[in-house]
Every structure is written in C-alpha cells, then in structure tokens.
Amino acid sequence: MGRGGPGHAWLDVHRIGAGLRDPEDRFCGAYGITRTGATLVRPDGFVAWRADRVYERPEDELRRALARLLAQDDRPG
C-alpha cells in the first residue's frame, strides 16, 4: 500500500513515507488484520500489537498501544 492506500491513516500516524508492496496480498492474512489495519512487530518477530482496522483517531490507538507495551501511563502529559 502506498500513502493513498486503504491503510494510509496509520502511515500518517508514524510518518512512514515508504509504502508496503504486497503483490500476492499475503501480509494482512499473515498478521490477522484487514487492508486498513496495522501491526507492531518486535525485532525478534513477535507481534506485539495489531489493529484490525483504522480507527477514528489512529494516533490515539497507537499511543495507547505503545504505552501498554512500554508499561507507561498513556494519559497526556
């Protein structure tokens, strides 16, 4: 998916400019998400978090997920 693809809101959240190329459409099935979903994968390959779709405020979802994963309070400072 490029920036204009179905999951572009997630790309905007963490400002990744490069798109994901998946010509055989295997990525979503492998990670249990839809084409508008997102996933965080640790360097060791462990799926740490996934969202099955884009939420109204994806930046808030990602912030909460990272706070949980890092055992931090997710309330704004």
N, C-alpha and C. Protein backbone atom coordinates (compact mmCIF):
# COMPACT_ATOMS: atom_id res chain seq x y z
N MET A 1 0.84 -1.17 0.00
CA MET A 1 0.00 0.00 0.00
C MET A 1 0.88 1.23 0.00
N GLY A 2 0.57 2.15 -0.81
CA GLY A 2 1.24 3.44 -0.77
C GLY A 2 0.49 4.35 0.17
N ARG A 3 0.89 5.59 0.24
CA ARG A 3 0.27 6.54 1.15
C ARG A 3 -1.20 6.75 0.84
N GLY A 4 -1.65 6.51 -0.39
CA GLY A 4 -3.05 6.70 -0.72
C GLY A 4 -3.87 5.43 -0.57
N GLY A 5 -3.25 4.32 -0.13
CA GLY A 5 -3.94 3.05 0.00
C GLY A 5 -4.88 3.04 1.19
N PRO A 6 -5.58 1.94 1.38
CA PRO A 6 -6.59 1.85 2.44
C PRO A 6 -6.06 2.12 3.84
N GLY A 7 -4.82 1.80 4.13
CA GLY A 7 -4.30 1.98 5.48
C GLY A 7 -3.47 3.24 5.65
N HIS A 8 -3.67 4.22 4.78
CA HIS A 8 -2.82 5.41 4.81
C HIS A 8 -2.88 6.18 6.12
N ALA A 9 -3.95 6.10 6.87
CA ALA A 9 -4.03 6.82 8.14
C ALA A 9 -2.97 6.33 9.12
N TRP A 10 -2.67 5.04 9.13
CA TRP A 10 -1.63 4.52 10.01
C TRP A 10 -0.28 5.06 9.57
N LEU A 11 -0.05 5.15 8.28
CA LEU A 11 1.22 5.69 7.81
C LEU A 11 1.40 7.13 8.26
N ASP A 12 0.33 7.89 8.24
CA ASP A 12 0.40 9.27 8.67
C ASP A 12 0.71 9.36 10.16
N VAL A 13 0.23 8.42 10.94
CA VAL A 13 0.44 8.44 12.39
C VAL A 13 1.92 8.39 12.72
N HIS A 14 2.65 7.49 12.11
CA HIS A 14 4.06 7.37 12.46
C HIS A 14 4.98 7.83 11.34
N ARG A 15 4.43 8.56 10.39
CA ARG A 15 5.18 9.27 9.37
C ARG A 15 6.15 8.40 8.58
N ILE A 16 5.67 7.27 8.16
CA ILE A 16 6.48 6.42 7.29
C ILE A 16 6.15 6.80 5.85
N GLY A 17 7.15 7.12 5.10
CA GLY A 17 6.94 7.56 3.73
C GLY A 17 6.89 6.43 2.72
N ALA A 18 7.55 5.33 3.01
CA ALA A 18 7.60 4.23 2.04
C ALA A 18 6.34 3.38 2.16
N GLY A 19 5.84 2.94 1.05
CA GLY A 19 4.66 2.09 1.04
C GLY A 19 5.02 0.63 1.14
N LEU A 20 4.07 -0.17 1.50
CA LEU A 20 4.24 -1.62 1.60
C LEU A 20 3.81 -2.24 0.28
N ARG A 21 4.68 -3.02 -0.29
CA ARG A 21 4.33 -3.73 -1.53
C ARG A 21 4.04 -5.18 -1.19
N ASP A 22 2.85 -5.62 -1.54
CA ASP A 22 2.41 -6.98 -1.24
C ASP A 22 1.65 -7.51 -2.44
N PRO A 23 2.35 -7.80 -3.54
CA PRO A 23 1.66 -8.19 -4.77
C PRO A 23 0.81 -9.46 -4.64
N GLU A 24 1.16 -10.34 -3.74
CA GLU A 24 0.39 -11.58 -3.57
C GLU A 24 -0.64 -11.46 -2.46
N ASP A 25 -0.75 -10.28 -1.84
CA ASP A 25 -1.76 -9.99 -0.84
C ASP A 25 -1.74 -10.99 0.33
N ARG A 26 -0.55 -11.27 0.85
CA ARG A 26 -0.39 -12.23 1.94
C ARG A 26 -0.20 -11.59 3.30
N PHE A 27 0.26 -10.35 3.33
CA PHE A 27 0.62 -9.70 4.59
C PHE A 27 -0.55 -9.64 5.57
N CYS A 28 -1.69 -9.15 5.13
CA CYS A 28 -2.84 -8.99 6.03
C CYS A 28 -3.27 -10.32 6.65
N GLY A 29 -3.35 -11.34 5.85
CA GLY A 29 -3.73 -12.65 6.36
C GLY A 29 -2.73 -13.20 7.35
N ALA A 30 -1.46 -12.98 7.07
CA ALA A 30 -0.41 -13.49 7.96
C ALA A 30 -0.43 -12.80 9.31
N TYR A 31 -0.84 -11.53 9.34
CA TYR A 31 -0.82 -10.78 10.59
C TYR A 31 -2.20 -10.59 11.20
N GLY A 32 -3.23 -11.15 10.60
CA GLY A 32 -4.56 -11.10 11.18
C GLY A 32 -5.19 -9.72 11.18
N ILE A 33 -4.94 -8.96 10.13
CA ILE A 33 -5.51 -7.63 10.02
C ILE A 33 -6.21 -7.48 8.67
N THR A 34 -6.96 -6.42 8.52
CA THR A 34 -7.57 -6.10 7.22
C THR A 34 -6.63 -5.17 6.47
N ARG A 35 -7.00 -4.79 5.26
CA ARG A 35 -6.17 -3.87 4.47
C ARG A 35 -6.08 -2.48 5.09
N THR A 36 -6.94 -2.18 6.04
CA THR A 36 -6.85 -0.89 6.73
C THR A 36 -6.27 -1.03 8.13
N GLY A 37 -5.80 -2.22 8.48
CA GLY A 37 -5.25 -2.47 9.80
C GLY A 37 -3.79 -2.10 9.91
N ALA A 38 -3.23 -2.36 11.09
CA ALA A 38 -1.82 -2.08 11.35
C ALA A 38 -1.31 -3.08 12.37
N THR A 39 -0.01 -3.24 12.40
CA THR A 39 0.60 -4.14 13.36
C THR A 39 1.96 -3.61 13.79
N LEU A 40 2.32 -3.90 15.03
CA LEU A 40 3.66 -3.59 15.53
C LEU A 40 4.35 -4.92 15.77
N VAL A 41 5.50 -5.09 15.16
CA VAL A 41 6.25 -6.33 15.28
C VAL A 41 7.61 -6.01 15.89
N ARG A 42 7.94 -6.72 16.96
CA ARG A 42 9.23 -6.52 17.61
C ARG A 42 10.34 -7.03 16.69
N PRO A 43 11.57 -6.61 16.93
CA PRO A 43 12.69 -7.08 16.10
C PRO A 43 12.86 -8.60 16.10
N ASP A 44 12.41 -9.27 17.16
CA ASP A 44 12.53 -10.73 17.20
C ASP A 44 11.37 -11.43 16.50
N GLY A 45 10.48 -10.65 15.86
CA GLY A 45 9.39 -11.23 15.08
C GLY A 45 8.09 -11.40 15.85
N PHE A 46 8.07 -11.12 17.13
CA PHE A 46 6.87 -11.25 17.94
C PHE A 46 5.90 -10.13 17.61
N VAL A 47 4.64 -10.49 17.32
CA VAL A 47 3.62 -9.47 17.06
C VAL A 47 3.19 -8.90 18.40
N ALA A 48 3.55 -7.65 18.65
CA ALA A 48 3.29 -7.01 19.93
C ALA A 48 1.91 -6.38 20.01
N TRP A 49 1.36 -5.99 18.87
CA TRP A 49 0.06 -5.30 18.84
C TRP A 49 -0.48 -5.35 17.42
N ARG A 50 -1.78 -5.35 17.32
CA ARG A 50 -2.41 -5.25 15.99
C ARG A 50 -3.75 -4.54 16.11
N ALA A 51 -4.10 -3.84 15.07
CA ALA A 51 -5.41 -3.20 14.95
C ALA A 51 -6.03 -3.75 13.68
N ASP A 52 -7.23 -4.26 13.77
CA ASP A 52 -7.84 -4.89 12.61
C ASP A 52 -8.31 -3.88 11.56
N ARG A 53 -8.40 -2.60 11.96
CA ARG A 53 -8.89 -1.57 11.03
C ARG A 53 -8.36 -0.21 11.48
N VAL A 54 -8.58 0.80 10.69
CA VAL A 54 -8.24 2.17 11.08
C VAL A 54 -9.35 2.69 11.97
N TYR A 55 -8.97 3.26 13.07
CA TYR A 55 -9.93 3.86 13.99
C TYR A 55 -10.08 5.35 13.68
N GLU A 56 -11.07 5.97 14.29
CA GLU A 56 -11.31 7.39 14.02
C GLU A 56 -10.08 8.24 14.35
N ARG A 57 -9.40 7.90 15.42
CA ARG A 57 -8.19 8.63 15.82
C ARG A 57 -7.04 7.63 15.97
N PRO A 58 -6.45 7.22 14.84
CA PRO A 58 -5.41 6.18 14.90
C PRO A 58 -4.22 6.57 15.75
N GLU A 59 -3.92 7.87 15.83
CA GLU A 59 -2.78 8.28 16.66
C GLU A 59 -3.03 7.96 18.13
N ASP A 60 -4.27 8.07 18.58
CA ASP A 60 -4.59 7.73 19.97
C ASP A 60 -4.47 6.23 20.21
N GLU A 61 -4.92 5.43 19.26
CA GLU A 61 -4.81 3.97 19.38
C GLU A 61 -3.35 3.55 19.46
N LEU A 62 -2.53 4.12 18.59
CA LEU A 62 -1.12 3.77 18.59
C LEU A 62 -0.44 4.24 19.88
N ARG A 63 -0.78 5.41 20.36
CA ARG A 63 -0.23 5.92 21.60
C ARG A 63 -0.58 5.00 22.77
N ARG A 64 -1.85 4.57 22.85
CA ARG A 64 -2.28 3.66 23.92
C ARG A 64 -1.54 2.32 23.83
N ALA A 65 -1.41 1.81 22.61
CA ALA A 65 -0.72 0.53 22.43
C ALA A 65 0.73 0.62 22.88
N LEU A 66 1.40 1.68 22.48
CA LEU A 66 2.80 1.83 22.88
C LEU A 66 2.93 2.02 24.39
N ALA A 67 2.02 2.75 24.98
CA ALA A 67 2.05 2.95 26.44
C ALA A 67 1.89 1.61 27.15
N ARG A 68 0.95 0.78 26.68
CA ARG A 68 0.77 -0.54 27.30
C ARG A 68 2.01 -1.40 27.12
N LEU A 69 2.56 -1.40 25.91
CA LEU A 69 3.72 -2.24 25.63
C LEU A 69 4.95 -1.81 26.42
N LEU A 70 5.06 -0.52 26.67
CA LEU A 70 6.20 0.01 27.39
C LEU A 70 5.92 0.18 28.88
N ALA A 71 4.74 -0.29 29.32
CA ALA A 71 4.31 -0.20 30.73
C ALA A 71 4.39 1.23 31.23
N GLN A 72 3.85 2.15 30.41
CA GLN A 72 3.82 3.57 30.79
C GLN A 72 2.39 4.03 30.89
N ASP A 73 2.18 5.09 31.61
CA ASP A 73 0.87 5.73 31.70
C ASP A 73 0.60 6.38 30.35
N ASP A 74 -0.59 6.17 29.77
CA ASP A 74 -0.89 6.69 28.45
C ASP A 74 -1.68 8.00 28.48
N ARG A 75 -1.84 8.61 29.65
CA ARG A 75 -2.54 9.88 29.73
C ARG A 75 -1.64 11.01 29.23
N PRO A 76 -2.22 12.00 28.55
CA PRO A 76 -1.40 13.11 28.07
C PRO A 76 -0.71 13.83 29.22
N GLY A 77 0.52 14.33 28.95
CA GLY A 77 1.33 14.97 29.97
C GLY A 77 0.87 16.28 30.32
